[in-house]
Amino acid sequence: MTPSHGTFTWNELNTHDSEKAKAFYRATVGWTFDAMPMGDAGTYWIAKQGETPAGGIFPLSDPMFANIPDHWLSYLEVDDIDARVARVPAAGGIVMRPPFDIPGVGRIAIVKDVNGAVMGWMTSIPR
């Protein structure tokens, strides 16, 4: 089932040390991890509680992420990513990363709201 517009659909840890993060969450909350290769960008890790996906771990391995601290990023489901992102500047926000496709997942953008809070927006592929 595709998540509903306006609801949080995913949480992702962006980190410079995926192995250290996996060890921490495995020891503290009991998550297991499935690898999702991303080519030259490394490996994305799906955190699972039992068989249920709980979130992801994105490696901040590219040099463009050197000055970005480790952080959790939430994703909000939107009905039409391109149309919704087009509204961001007029509402006082900033499009930090324009919409892009993640094969098998959906279309994602990163936005900063009027107060400076950063969030991912996503239009999922119907399931």
N, C-alpha and C. Protein backbone atom coordinates (compact mmCIF):
# COMPACT_ATOMS: atom_id res chain seq x y z
N MET A 1 0.84 -1.18 0.00
CA MET A 1 0.00 0.00 0.00
C MET A 1 0.88 1.25 0.00
N THR A 2 0.55 2.20 -0.84
CA THR A 2 1.29 3.46 -0.92
C THR A 2 0.91 4.35 0.25
N PRO A 3 1.89 4.96 0.91
CA PRO A 3 1.57 5.87 2.02
C PRO A 3 0.69 7.04 1.58
N SER A 4 -0.03 7.62 2.51
CA SER A 4 -0.93 8.73 2.23
C SER A 4 -0.18 10.06 2.18
N HIS A 5 -0.66 10.94 1.31
CA HIS A 5 -0.11 12.30 1.19
C HIS A 5 -0.10 12.97 2.57
N GLY A 6 1.02 13.61 2.90
CA GLY A 6 1.12 14.37 4.15
C GLY A 6 1.53 13.55 5.35
N THR A 7 1.86 12.26 5.16
CA THR A 7 2.28 11.43 6.29
C THR A 7 3.77 11.11 6.17
N PHE A 8 4.41 10.91 7.29
CA PHE A 8 5.82 10.52 7.28
C PHE A 8 5.91 9.08 6.81
N THR A 9 6.83 8.85 5.88
CA THR A 9 6.90 7.54 5.25
C THR A 9 8.23 6.82 5.47
N TRP A 10 9.30 7.57 5.84
CA TRP A 10 10.61 6.93 5.97
C TRP A 10 11.50 7.78 6.84
N ASN A 11 12.43 7.15 7.53
CA ASN A 11 13.45 7.83 8.31
C ASN A 11 14.79 7.26 7.91
N GLU A 12 15.78 8.15 7.82
CA GLU A 12 17.08 7.74 7.31
C GLU A 12 18.20 8.38 8.12
N LEU A 13 19.13 7.55 8.54
CA LEU A 13 20.32 8.05 9.21
C LEU A 13 21.37 8.33 8.15
N ASN A 14 21.81 9.56 8.07
CA ASN A 14 22.90 9.95 7.17
C ASN A 14 24.15 10.00 8.04
N THR A 15 25.14 9.16 7.72
CA THR A 15 26.29 9.02 8.60
C THR A 15 27.59 8.83 7.82
N HIS A 16 28.68 9.25 8.45
CA HIS A 16 30.01 9.07 7.88
C HIS A 16 30.58 7.69 8.22
N ASP A 17 29.94 6.97 9.15
CA ASP A 17 30.43 5.65 9.56
C ASP A 17 29.26 4.68 9.71
N SER A 18 28.87 4.08 8.59
CA SER A 18 27.73 3.16 8.59
C SER A 18 27.97 1.95 9.49
N GLU A 19 29.18 1.42 9.48
CA GLU A 19 29.46 0.22 10.28
C GLU A 19 29.31 0.51 11.77
N LYS A 20 29.80 1.63 12.21
CA LYS A 20 29.68 2.02 13.62
C LYS A 20 28.21 2.24 13.98
N ALA A 21 27.46 2.89 13.10
CA ALA A 21 26.04 3.12 13.34
C ALA A 21 25.27 1.80 13.40
N LYS A 22 25.56 0.90 12.47
CA LYS A 22 24.87 -0.39 12.47
C LYS A 22 25.15 -1.14 13.77
N ALA A 23 26.39 -1.13 14.22
CA ALA A 23 26.74 -1.82 15.48
C ALA A 23 25.96 -1.22 16.65
N PHE A 24 25.85 0.11 16.68
CA PHE A 24 25.13 0.78 17.76
C PHE A 24 23.67 0.37 17.78
N TYR A 25 23.00 0.47 16.64
CA TYR A 25 21.56 0.17 16.60
C TYR A 25 21.27 -1.32 16.72
N ARG A 26 22.20 -2.17 16.27
CA ARG A 26 22.05 -3.61 16.47
C ARG A 26 22.10 -3.92 17.96
N ALA A 27 23.06 -3.31 18.68
CA ALA A 27 23.25 -3.58 20.12
C ALA A 27 22.16 -2.95 20.98
N THR A 28 21.64 -1.80 20.58
CA THR A 28 20.70 -1.10 21.45
C THR A 28 19.23 -1.40 21.17
N VAL A 29 18.84 -1.47 19.90
CA VAL A 29 17.42 -1.72 19.60
C VAL A 29 17.17 -3.03 18.86
N GLY A 30 18.24 -3.76 18.54
CA GLY A 30 18.09 -5.08 17.94
C GLY A 30 17.82 -5.10 16.44
N TRP A 31 18.09 -4.01 15.76
CA TRP A 31 17.89 -4.00 14.31
C TRP A 31 18.86 -4.95 13.60
N THR A 32 18.39 -5.48 12.49
CA THR A 32 19.24 -6.18 11.53
C THR A 32 19.30 -5.30 10.29
N PHE A 33 20.17 -5.63 9.36
CA PHE A 33 20.38 -4.76 8.20
C PHE A 33 20.51 -5.56 6.92
N ASP A 34 19.84 -5.07 5.88
CA ASP A 34 19.97 -5.64 4.54
C ASP A 34 20.67 -4.62 3.65
N ALA A 35 21.64 -5.09 2.87
CA ALA A 35 22.39 -4.21 1.99
C ALA A 35 21.61 -3.91 0.72
N MET A 36 21.72 -2.65 0.27
CA MET A 36 21.15 -2.23 -1.00
C MET A 36 22.26 -1.47 -1.73
N PRO A 37 22.99 -2.15 -2.63
CA PRO A 37 24.11 -1.49 -3.33
C PRO A 37 23.65 -0.28 -4.12
N MET A 38 24.46 0.80 -4.07
CA MET A 38 24.16 2.04 -4.80
C MET A 38 25.28 2.36 -5.79
N GLY A 39 25.96 1.37 -6.31
CA GLY A 39 27.04 1.61 -7.26
C GLY A 39 28.20 2.33 -6.61
N ASP A 40 28.69 3.38 -7.27
CA ASP A 40 29.84 4.13 -6.77
C ASP A 40 29.56 4.85 -5.45
N ALA A 41 28.28 5.05 -5.11
CA ALA A 41 27.92 5.76 -3.88
C ALA A 41 28.02 4.87 -2.64
N GLY A 42 28.32 3.60 -2.82
CA GLY A 42 28.46 2.71 -1.67
C GLY A 42 27.24 1.84 -1.46
N THR A 43 26.98 1.53 -0.21
CA THR A 43 25.87 0.65 0.16
C THR A 43 24.90 1.39 1.06
N TYR A 44 23.63 1.33 0.70
CA TYR A 44 22.55 1.84 1.54
C TYR A 44 22.10 0.65 2.37
N TRP A 45 21.84 0.89 3.64
CA TRP A 45 21.45 -0.20 4.53
C TRP A 45 20.00 -0.02 4.97
N ILE A 46 19.18 -1.05 4.77
CA ILE A 46 17.80 -1.06 5.25
C ILE A 46 17.82 -1.65 6.66
N ALA A 47 17.43 -0.83 7.64
CA ALA A 47 17.33 -1.29 9.02
C ALA A 47 15.99 -2.00 9.19
N LYS A 48 16.02 -3.16 9.85
CA LYS A 48 14.79 -3.94 10.00
C LYS A 48 14.58 -4.33 11.46
N GLN A 49 13.33 -4.31 11.86
CA GLN A 49 12.91 -4.87 13.15
C GLN A 49 12.15 -6.13 12.80
N GLY A 50 12.77 -7.28 13.01
CA GLY A 50 12.19 -8.53 12.50
C GLY A 50 12.23 -8.47 10.98
N GLU A 51 11.09 -8.63 10.35
CA GLU A 51 11.01 -8.55 8.88
C GLU A 51 10.50 -7.19 8.41
N THR A 52 10.21 -6.28 9.34
CA THR A 52 9.64 -4.99 9.01
C THR A 52 10.71 -3.92 8.85
N PRO A 53 10.76 -3.26 7.68
CA PRO A 53 11.71 -2.16 7.52
C PRO A 53 11.43 -1.04 8.52
N ALA A 54 12.49 -0.55 9.16
CA ALA A 54 12.35 0.49 10.18
C ALA A 54 12.95 1.82 9.73
N GLY A 55 13.84 1.79 8.76
CA GLY A 55 14.51 3.00 8.28
C GLY A 55 15.72 2.61 7.47
N GLY A 56 16.51 3.60 7.12
CA GLY A 56 17.68 3.34 6.31
C GLY A 56 18.91 4.05 6.83
N ILE A 57 20.06 3.59 6.36
CA ILE A 57 21.33 4.23 6.68
C ILE A 57 22.00 4.59 5.36
N PHE A 58 22.20 5.89 5.17
CA PHE A 58 22.82 6.42 3.96
C PHE A 58 24.25 6.84 4.28
N PRO A 59 25.23 6.32 3.53
CA PRO A 59 26.63 6.69 3.80
C PRO A 59 26.97 8.07 3.25
N LEU A 60 27.48 8.93 4.09
CA LEU A 60 27.94 10.25 3.68
C LEU A 60 29.40 10.13 3.22
N SER A 61 29.63 9.31 2.20
CA SER A 61 31.00 9.01 1.78
C SER A 61 31.53 9.93 0.69
N ASP A 62 30.64 10.59 -0.04
CA ASP A 62 31.08 11.49 -1.10
C ASP A 62 31.72 12.74 -0.47
N PRO A 63 32.80 13.25 -1.05
CA PRO A 63 33.44 14.45 -0.49
C PRO A 63 32.50 15.66 -0.34
N MET A 64 31.42 15.71 -1.14
CA MET A 64 30.49 16.84 -1.00
C MET A 64 29.77 16.83 0.35
N PHE A 65 29.82 15.70 1.07
CA PHE A 65 29.18 15.60 2.38
C PHE A 65 30.15 15.83 3.53
N ALA A 66 31.40 16.18 3.25
CA ALA A 66 32.45 16.27 4.26
C ALA A 66 32.07 17.17 5.45
N ASN A 67 31.38 18.26 5.21
CA ASN A 67 31.05 19.20 6.29
C ASN A 67 29.64 19.03 6.84
N ILE A 68 28.98 17.97 6.44
CA ILE A 68 27.63 17.71 6.95
C ILE A 68 27.73 16.73 8.11
N PRO A 69 27.20 17.10 9.28
CA PRO A 69 27.27 16.19 10.43
C PRO A 69 26.29 15.02 10.27
N ASP A 70 26.57 13.94 10.96
CA ASP A 70 25.63 12.82 10.99
C ASP A 70 24.29 13.33 11.50
N HIS A 71 23.20 12.82 10.91
CA HIS A 71 21.87 13.26 11.32
C HIS A 71 20.80 12.31 10.81
N TRP A 72 19.65 12.35 11.45
CA TRP A 72 18.48 11.62 10.97
C TRP A 72 17.69 12.55 10.07
N LEU A 73 17.16 12.01 8.96
CA LEU A 73 16.36 12.77 8.01
C LEU A 73 15.03 12.05 7.82
N SER A 74 13.93 12.77 8.03
CA SER A 74 12.60 12.20 7.83
C SER A 74 12.10 12.53 6.43
N TYR A 75 11.29 11.63 5.89
CA TYR A 75 10.69 11.81 4.57
C TYR A 75 9.18 11.89 4.69
N LEU A 76 8.61 12.89 4.03
CA LEU A 76 7.17 13.12 4.00
C LEU A 76 6.64 12.68 2.65
N GLU A 77 5.60 11.88 2.65
CA GLU A 77 4.96 11.46 1.40
C GLU A 77 4.14 12.62 0.83
N VAL A 78 4.32 12.90 -0.45
CA VAL A 78 3.51 13.91 -1.13
C VAL A 78 2.94 13.30 -2.40
N ASP A 79 1.78 13.80 -2.81
CA ASP A 79 1.07 13.20 -3.93
C ASP A 79 1.71 13.46 -5.29
N ASP A 80 2.42 14.56 -5.45
CA ASP A 80 3.07 14.90 -6.72
C ASP A 80 4.32 15.70 -6.40
N ILE A 81 5.45 15.02 -6.31
CA ILE A 81 6.69 15.66 -5.86
C ILE A 81 7.05 16.89 -6.67
N ASP A 82 6.91 16.82 -7.99
CA ASP A 82 7.31 17.96 -8.82
C ASP A 82 6.41 19.17 -8.57
N ALA A 83 5.11 18.95 -8.50
CA ALA A 83 4.17 20.05 -8.26
C ALA A 83 4.35 20.63 -6.87
N ARG A 84 4.55 19.79 -5.87
CA ARG A 84 4.70 20.27 -4.48
C ARG A 84 6.02 21.03 -4.31
N VAL A 85 7.10 20.52 -4.87
CA VAL A 85 8.41 21.19 -4.75
C VAL A 85 8.38 22.54 -5.47
N ALA A 86 7.62 22.64 -6.55
CA ALA A 86 7.52 23.92 -7.28
C ALA A 86 6.93 25.03 -6.41
N ARG A 87 6.19 24.66 -5.37
CA ARG A 87 5.56 25.64 -4.46
C ARG A 87 6.50 26.13 -3.35
N VAL A 88 7.59 25.44 -3.14
CA VAL A 88 8.49 25.73 -2.01
C VAL A 88 9.04 27.15 -2.03
N PRO A 89 9.64 27.64 -3.12
CA PRO A 89 10.22 28.99 -3.09
C PRO A 89 9.20 30.09 -2.78
N ALA A 90 8.01 30.01 -3.36
CA ALA A 90 6.99 31.04 -3.12
C ALA A 90 6.52 31.05 -1.67
N ALA A 91 6.65 29.90 -1.00
CA ALA A 91 6.24 29.80 0.40
C ALA A 91 7.37 30.17 1.36
N GLY A 92 8.54 30.55 0.81
CA GLY A 92 9.66 30.99 1.64
C GLY A 92 10.68 29.92 1.94
N GLY A 93 10.54 28.73 1.34
CA GLY A 93 11.50 27.66 1.56
C GLY A 93 12.56 27.61 0.47
N ILE A 94 13.43 26.62 0.58
CA ILE A 94 14.53 26.44 -0.37
C ILE A 94 14.53 24.99 -0.83
N VAL A 95 14.65 24.79 -2.12
CA VAL A 95 14.82 23.44 -2.66
C VAL A 95 16.32 23.14 -2.63
N MET A 96 16.71 22.26 -1.72
CA MET A 96 18.14 21.94 -1.57
C MET A 96 18.61 20.93 -2.62
N ARG A 97 17.73 20.01 -2.96
CA ARG A 97 18.02 19.04 -4.02
C ARG A 97 16.73 18.81 -4.78
N PRO A 98 16.68 19.18 -6.05
CA PRO A 98 15.47 19.02 -6.85
C PRO A 98 15.07 17.55 -6.95
N PRO A 99 13.83 17.29 -7.35
CA PRO A 99 13.36 15.90 -7.45
C PRO A 99 14.27 15.03 -8.31
N PHE A 100 14.49 13.82 -7.83
CA PHE A 100 15.28 12.82 -8.55
C PHE A 100 14.67 11.45 -8.28
N ASP A 101 14.93 10.52 -9.18
CA ASP A 101 14.33 9.19 -9.08
C ASP A 101 15.24 8.21 -8.35
N ILE A 102 14.63 7.37 -7.52
CA ILE A 102 15.29 6.24 -6.90
C ILE A 102 14.58 5.01 -7.47
N PRO A 103 15.23 4.25 -8.35
CA PRO A 103 14.58 3.10 -8.97
C PRO A 103 13.97 2.13 -7.95
N GLY A 104 12.74 1.75 -8.19
CA GLY A 104 12.05 0.82 -7.32
C GLY A 104 11.49 1.43 -6.05
N VAL A 105 11.74 2.71 -5.82
CA VAL A 105 11.29 3.37 -4.59
C VAL A 105 10.35 4.52 -4.89
N GLY A 106 10.79 5.48 -5.69
CA GLY A 106 9.96 6.64 -6.00
C GLY A 106 10.80 7.84 -6.39
N ARG A 107 10.21 8.99 -6.24
CA ARG A 107 10.87 10.26 -6.61
C ARG A 107 11.02 11.08 -5.34
N ILE A 108 12.21 11.63 -5.12
CA ILE A 108 12.57 12.28 -3.86
C ILE A 108 13.13 13.68 -4.13
N ALA A 109 12.90 14.60 -3.18
CA ALA A 109 13.54 15.91 -3.17
C ALA A 109 13.90 16.24 -1.73
N ILE A 110 14.86 17.14 -1.54
CA ILE A 110 15.23 17.60 -0.20
C ILE A 110 14.91 19.09 -0.15
N VAL A 111 14.13 19.48 0.85
CA VAL A 111 13.70 20.88 0.97
C VAL A 111 14.03 21.42 2.36
N LYS A 112 14.15 22.74 2.42
CA LYS A 112 14.34 23.44 3.69
C LYS A 112 13.13 24.34 3.85
N ASP A 113 12.44 24.23 4.98
CA ASP A 113 11.23 25.02 5.16
C ASP A 113 11.56 26.47 5.53
N VAL A 114 10.55 27.27 5.74
CA VAL A 114 10.69 28.70 6.00
C VAL A 114 11.51 29.00 7.26
N ASN A 115 11.58 28.04 8.19
CA ASN A 115 12.35 28.21 9.42
C ASN A 115 13.73 27.57 9.36
N GLY A 116 14.05 26.93 8.24
CA GLY A 116 15.36 26.32 8.08
C GLY A 116 15.43 24.83 8.37
N ALA A 117 14.29 24.22 8.71
CA ALA A 117 14.28 22.77 8.97
C ALA A 117 14.35 22.01 7.64
N VAL A 118 15.20 21.00 7.60
CA VAL A 118 15.40 20.21 6.38
C VAL A 118 14.59 18.91 6.47
N MET A 119 13.99 18.53 5.33
CA MET A 119 13.18 17.33 5.27
C MET A 119 13.22 16.77 3.86
N GLY A 120 13.10 15.47 3.75
CA GLY A 120 12.94 14.84 2.44
C GLY A 120 11.45 14.76 2.12
N TRP A 121 11.12 15.00 0.88
CA TRP A 121 9.76 14.77 0.38
C TRP A 121 9.85 13.66 -0.64
N MET A 122 8.79 12.85 -0.73
CA MET A 122 8.85 11.66 -1.57
C MET A 122 7.49 11.34 -2.16
N THR A 123 7.48 10.97 -3.43
CA THR A 123 6.29 10.36 -4.04
C THR A 123 6.68 8.93 -4.32
N SER A 124 6.11 8.02 -3.54
CA SER A 124 6.45 6.60 -3.65
C SER A 124 5.84 5.97 -4.89
N ILE A 125 6.50 4.94 -5.38
CA ILE A 125 5.94 4.13 -6.45
C ILE A 125 4.77 3.36 -5.83
N PRO A 126 3.61 3.35 -6.46
CA PRO A 126 2.47 2.61 -5.88
C PRO A 126 2.82 1.13 -5.67
N ARG A 127 2.37 0.62 -4.54
CA ARG A 127 2.65 -0.79 -4.20
C ARG A 127 1.37 -1.56 -4.10
